[in-house]
Amino acid sequence: MIQPGDDVVVQFDGEDCQGEVVEVRGGWFLCRVLIDPVTDFGAISPRLDPVSLVMVRDKDVRLAEVV
């Protein structure tokens, strides 16, 4: 079971982002994610900070693989 503080991969706007779980609440995860500033999901100007908080459904979060 994924808990706060776990390193995860978050699918956000169709991209896999490295992140960390901040809070779990009712099937939703609040995660701090690293956003690729070059891609920024196709925006003409930056929409997100390089480190952003996002709220996503549990289906969009998986534990990061330990290398």
Protein backbone atom coordinates (compact mmCIF):
# COMPACT_ATOMS: atom_id res chain seq x y z
CA MET A 1 0.00 0.00 0.00
CA ILE A 2 1.34 3.43 -0.95
CA GLN A 3 1.87 5.77 2.00
CA PRO A 4 2.94 9.42 2.45
CA GLY A 5 6.68 9.76 1.90
CA ASP A 6 6.85 6.98 -0.69
CA ASP A 7 8.69 7.63 -3.95
CA VAL A 8 6.23 7.15 -6.80
CA VAL A 9 5.67 7.62 -10.51
CA VAL A 10 2.63 9.78 -11.22
CA GLN A 11 0.84 9.84 -14.55
CA PHE A 12 -0.16 13.48 -15.04
CA ASP A 13 -1.41 14.96 -18.32
CA GLY A 14 -0.27 11.79 -20.12
CA GLU A 15 3.31 12.01 -18.84
CA ASP A 16 5.05 9.88 -16.20
CA CYS A 17 6.54 12.15 -13.53
CA GLN A 18 8.79 11.21 -10.62
CA GLY A 19 7.29 12.26 -7.33
CA GLU A 20 6.61 11.74 -3.66
CA VAL A 21 3.30 11.14 -1.91
CA VAL A 22 2.34 13.97 0.44
CA GLU A 23 -1.14 12.82 1.49
CA VAL A 24 -3.63 10.03 0.74
CA ARG A 25 -7.34 10.75 1.01
CA GLY A 26 -10.32 8.73 -0.23
CA GLY A 27 -8.80 7.25 -3.39
CA TRP A 28 -6.88 10.45 -4.22
CA PHE A 29 -3.18 11.17 -3.82
CA LEU A 30 -1.62 14.58 -3.24
CA CYS A 31 1.86 14.28 -4.73
CA ARG A 32 4.86 16.53 -5.17
CA VAL A 33 6.09 15.86 -8.72
CA LEU A 34 9.06 16.89 -10.84
CA ILE A 35 7.88 18.52 -14.08
CA ASP A 36 10.09 18.56 -17.18
CA PRO A 37 10.38 22.33 -17.79
CA VAL A 38 11.16 21.81 -21.48
CA THR A 39 8.07 19.76 -22.18
CA ASP A 40 5.66 21.36 -19.65
CA PHE A 41 2.95 19.34 -21.40
CA GLY A 42 2.98 21.33 -24.64
CA ALA A 43 2.27 24.76 -23.17
CA ILE A 44 3.61 27.81 -24.99
CA SER A 45 4.59 29.33 -21.65
CA PRO A 46 5.27 27.50 -18.39
CA ARG A 47 2.08 26.45 -16.61
CA LEU A 48 3.64 24.56 -13.74
CA ASP A 49 6.62 25.04 -11.47
CA PRO A 50 9.46 22.50 -11.86
CA VAL A 51 8.28 20.99 -8.55
CA SER A 52 4.48 21.07 -8.33
CA LEU A 53 1.76 19.66 -6.11
CA VAL A 54 -0.86 17.68 -8.00
CA MET A 55 -3.93 15.72 -6.90
CA VAL A 56 -4.49 12.52 -8.88
CA ARG A 57 -6.63 9.38 -8.62
CA ASP A 58 -5.06 6.27 -7.12
CA LYS A 59 -5.03 4.57 -10.55
CA ASP A 60 -2.51 7.16 -11.76
CA VAL A 61 0.09 6.48 -9.04
CA ARG A 62 2.51 3.56 -8.77
CA LEU A 63 5.54 2.90 -6.59
CA ALA A 64 8.84 3.93 -8.16
CA GLU A 65 11.17 1.07 -9.01
CA VAL A 66 14.20 0.81 -6.78
CA VAL A 67 17.36 0.64 -8.90
